[in-house]
C-alpha atoms as a PDB file:
ATOM      1  CA  MET A   1      -0.230  49.308 -37.808  1.00  0.00           C
ATOM      2  CA  SER A   2       0.961  48.014 -34.398  1.00  0.00           C
ATOM      3  CA  VAL A   3      -0.638  45.504 -31.767  1.00  0.00           C
ATOM      4  CA  ALA A   4      -0.404  44.231 -28.650  1.00  0.00           C
ATOM      5  CA  PHE A   5      -1.903  41.440 -26.143  1.00  0.00           C
ATOM      6  CA  PHE A   6      -1.623  41.066 -22.476  1.00  0.00           C
ATOM      7  CA  ASP A   7      -3.902  38.532 -21.166  1.00  0.00           C
ATOM      8  CA  VAL A   8      -3.601  40.039 -17.314  1.00  0.00           C
ATOM      9  CA  ASP A   9      -5.764  37.157 -15.386  1.00  0.00           C
ATOM     10  CA  GLU A  10      -3.839  34.201 -17.451  1.00  0.00           C
ATOM     11  CA  THR A  11      -7.685  33.247 -18.603  1.00  0.00           C
ATOM     12  CA  LEU A  12      -5.298  32.539 -22.473  1.00  0.00           C
ATOM     13  CA  ILE A  13      -2.287  31.699 -22.074  1.00  0.00           C
ATOM     14  CA  THR A  14      -0.050  30.151 -19.357  1.00  0.00           C
ATOM     15  CA  VAL A  15       2.856  32.120 -19.422  1.00  0.00           C
ATOM     16  CA  LYS A  16       3.147  35.929 -17.710  1.00  0.00           C
ATOM     17  CA  SER A  17       2.709  37.843 -20.692  1.00  0.00           C
ATOM     18  CA  MET A  18       3.823  41.198 -19.743  1.00  0.00           C
ATOM     19  CA  PHE A  19       7.611  39.308 -18.670  1.00  0.00           C
ATOM     20  CA  ALA A  20       7.635  36.960 -21.727  1.00  0.00           C
ATOM     21  CA  PHE A  21       7.445  39.867 -23.996  1.00  0.00           C
ATOM     22  CA  LEU A  22       9.546  42.021 -21.894  1.00  0.00           C
ATOM     23  CA  ARG A  23      12.176  38.929 -22.644  1.00  0.00           C
ATOM     24  CA  HIS A  24      11.768  38.897 -25.852  1.00  0.00           C
ATOM     25  CA  TRP A  25      11.929  42.627 -26.299  1.00  0.00           C
ATOM     26  CA  LEU A  26      15.322  42.681 -25.013  1.00  0.00           C
ATOM     27  CA  ALA A  27      16.286  39.814 -26.376  1.00  0.00           C
ATOM     28  CA  GLU A  28      15.343  41.700 -29.852  1.00  0.00           C
ATOM     29  CA  ASN A  29      17.538  44.793 -28.571  1.00  0.00           C
ATOM     30  CA  GLY A  30      20.437  42.557 -27.841  1.00  0.00           C
ATOM     31  CA  ASP A  31      19.926  41.642 -24.235  1.00  0.00           C
ATOM     32  CA  ASP A  32      22.022  38.336 -22.993  1.00  0.00           C
ATOM     33  CA  GLY A  33      19.355  37.914 -20.702  1.00  0.00           C
ATOM     34  CA  GLY A  34      21.666  40.195 -17.805  1.00  0.00           C
ATOM     35  CA  GLU A  35      19.058  43.291 -17.752  1.00  0.00           C
ATOM     36  CA  TYR A  36      15.934  40.882 -17.836  1.00  0.00           C
ATOM     37  CA  ALA A  37      17.354  39.188 -14.624  1.00  0.00           C
ATOM     38  CA  ARG A  38      18.082  43.007 -13.262  1.00  0.00           C
ATOM     39  CA  ILE A  39      14.596  44.097 -14.243  1.00  0.00           C
ATOM     40  CA  THR A  40      12.873  41.328 -12.992  1.00  0.00           C
ATOM     41  CA  ASP A  41      14.741  41.049  -9.691  1.00  0.00           C
ATOM     42  CA  GLU A  42      13.816  44.760  -9.179  1.00  0.00           C
ATOM     43  CA  ILE A  43      10.230  43.795  -9.793  1.00  0.00           C
ATOM     44  CA  LYS A  44      10.469  41.416  -7.377  1.00  0.00           C
ATOM     45  CA  GLN A  45      12.109  43.341  -4.671  1.00  0.00           C
ATOM     46  CA  LEU A  46       9.630  45.927  -5.228  1.00  0.00           C
ATOM     47  CA  ALA A  47       6.498  43.520  -4.380  1.00  0.00           C
ATOM     48  CA  ALA A  48       8.305  41.948  -1.479  1.00  0.00           C
ATOM     49  CA  ALA A  49       8.313  44.743   0.231  1.00  0.00           C
ATOM     50  CA  GLY A  50       5.073  45.329  -0.245  1.00  0.00           C
ATOM     51  CA  THR A  51       5.022  48.182  -3.170  1.00  0.00           C
ATOM     52  CA  PRO A  52       1.382  48.461  -4.711  1.00  0.00           C
ATOM     53  CA  ARG A  53       0.789  46.767  -7.844  1.00  0.00           C
ATOM     54  CA  GLU A  54       0.232  50.411  -9.559  1.00  0.00           C
ATOM     55  CA  GLU A  55       3.516  51.923  -8.714  1.00  0.00           C
ATOM     56  CA  ILE A  56       5.363  48.029  -9.993  1.00  0.00           C
ATOM     57  CA  ASN A  57       3.428  48.065 -13.004  1.00  0.00           C
ATOM     58  CA  ARG A  58       4.945  51.888 -13.693  1.00  0.00           C
ATOM     59  CA  HIS A  59       8.250  50.342 -12.609  1.00  0.00           C
ATOM     60  CA  TYR A  60       7.569  48.255 -15.321  1.00  0.00           C
END
């Protein structure tokens, strides 16, 4: 059985669950933080450029 939990409106947990999960998943797969930084930088650039949230979520 697989389970996923995301608190999209931040009412249950104080961290951004999407990013906490991404950091964890990448670390479990050998990332030293570099890939996480690259991905989150891309997402920040997309957001700053006004990219719609739906597109950013697909990129994620």
